[in-house]
């Protein structure tokens, strides 16, 4: 089940997820100050 899910994730999807995580991290850092 999980393997099928990961096989369906493309490189573009990984980049999108990475950008969102980075954005959330940046927002969190700003809030933490």
N, C-alpha and C. Protein backbone atom coordinates (compact mmCIF):
# COMPACT_ATOMS: atom_id res chain seq x y z
N UNK A 1 0.85 -1.20 0.00
CA UNK A 1 0.00 0.00 0.00
C UNK A 1 0.88 1.25 0.00
N UNK A 2 1.76 1.34 0.98
CA UNK A 2 2.62 2.51 1.07
C UNK A 2 3.59 2.57 -0.11
N UNK A 3 4.08 1.40 -0.52
CA UNK A 3 5.01 1.37 -1.65
C UNK A 3 4.35 1.90 -2.90
N UNK A 4 3.11 1.51 -3.14
CA UNK A 4 2.37 1.99 -4.31
C UNK A 4 2.24 3.52 -4.25
N UNK A 5 1.96 4.02 -3.06
CA UNK A 5 1.83 5.46 -2.87
C UNK A 5 3.13 6.17 -3.23
N UNK A 6 4.24 5.65 -2.75
CA UNK A 6 5.53 6.29 -3.02
C UNK A 6 5.92 6.19 -4.49
N UNK A 7 5.54 5.07 -5.13
CA UNK A 7 5.84 4.93 -6.55
C UNK A 7 5.10 5.97 -7.37
N UNK A 8 3.94 6.41 -6.88
CA UNK A 8 3.14 7.39 -7.61
C UNK A 8 3.61 8.82 -7.38
N UNK A 9 4.51 9.03 -6.44
CA UNK A 9 5.02 10.38 -6.19
C UNK A 9 6.12 10.68 -7.21
N UNK A 10 5.96 11.78 -7.91
CA UNK A 10 6.96 12.17 -8.90
C UNK A 10 7.97 13.11 -8.28
N UNK A 11 9.04 13.38 -9.01
CA UNK A 11 10.06 14.30 -8.52
C UNK A 11 9.46 15.69 -8.29
N UNK A 12 8.54 16.09 -9.18
CA UNK A 12 7.88 17.38 -9.03
C UNK A 12 7.08 17.46 -7.74
N UNK A 13 6.43 16.35 -7.38
CA UNK A 13 5.66 16.33 -6.14
C UNK A 13 6.59 16.51 -4.95
N UNK A 14 7.75 15.84 -5.00
CA UNK A 14 8.72 15.95 -3.91
C UNK A 14 9.19 17.39 -3.77
N UNK A 15 9.43 18.04 -4.89
CA UNK A 15 9.87 19.44 -4.86
C UNK A 15 8.79 20.32 -4.24
N UNK A 16 7.52 20.08 -4.62
CA UNK A 16 6.41 20.87 -4.07
C UNK A 16 6.32 20.69 -2.56
N UNK A 17 6.41 19.43 -2.12
CA UNK A 17 6.34 19.14 -0.68
C UNK A 17 7.51 19.83 0.03
N UNK A 18 8.69 19.76 -0.58
CA UNK A 18 9.86 20.40 0.00
C UNK A 18 9.69 21.90 0.15
N UNK A 19 9.13 22.53 -0.87
CA UNK A 19 8.90 23.98 -0.82
C UNK A 19 7.92 24.33 0.29
N UNK A 20 6.87 23.53 0.42
CA UNK A 20 5.87 23.81 1.46
C UNK A 20 6.45 23.62 2.84
N UNK A 21 7.24 22.57 3.02
CA UNK A 21 7.87 22.33 4.33
C UNK A 21 8.82 23.47 4.64
N UNK A 22 9.59 23.91 3.64
CA UNK A 22 10.53 25.01 3.84
C UNK A 22 9.79 26.28 4.23
N UNK A 23 8.67 26.56 3.54
CA UNK A 23 7.87 27.75 3.84
C UNK A 23 7.32 27.69 5.27
N UNK A 24 6.80 26.53 5.65
CA UNK A 24 6.28 26.36 7.01
C UNK A 24 7.39 26.57 8.02
N UNK A 25 8.57 26.05 7.72
CA UNK A 25 9.72 26.18 8.62
C UNK A 25 10.11 27.65 8.77
N UNK A 26 10.12 28.38 7.66
CA UNK A 26 10.45 29.82 7.70
C UNK A 26 9.41 30.58 8.51
N UNK A 27 8.13 30.26 8.32
CA UNK A 27 7.08 30.94 9.07
C UNK A 27 7.22 30.65 10.56
N UNK A 28 7.55 29.40 10.88
CA UNK A 28 7.72 28.99 12.27
C UNK A 28 8.88 29.75 12.91
N UNK A 29 9.99 29.89 12.16
CA UNK A 29 11.15 30.61 12.67
C UNK A 29 10.78 32.07 12.97
N UNK A 30 9.99 32.68 12.07
CA UNK A 30 9.58 34.07 12.25
C UNK A 30 8.70 34.20 13.49
N UNK A 31 7.79 33.24 13.68
CA UNK A 31 6.89 33.29 14.84
C UNK A 31 7.65 33.05 16.14
N UNK A 32 8.71 32.25 16.08
CA UNK A 32 9.45 31.88 17.28
C UNK A 32 10.25 33.05 17.85
N UNK A 33 10.59 34.01 16.98
CA UNK A 33 11.41 35.14 17.44
C UNK A 33 10.66 36.01 18.43
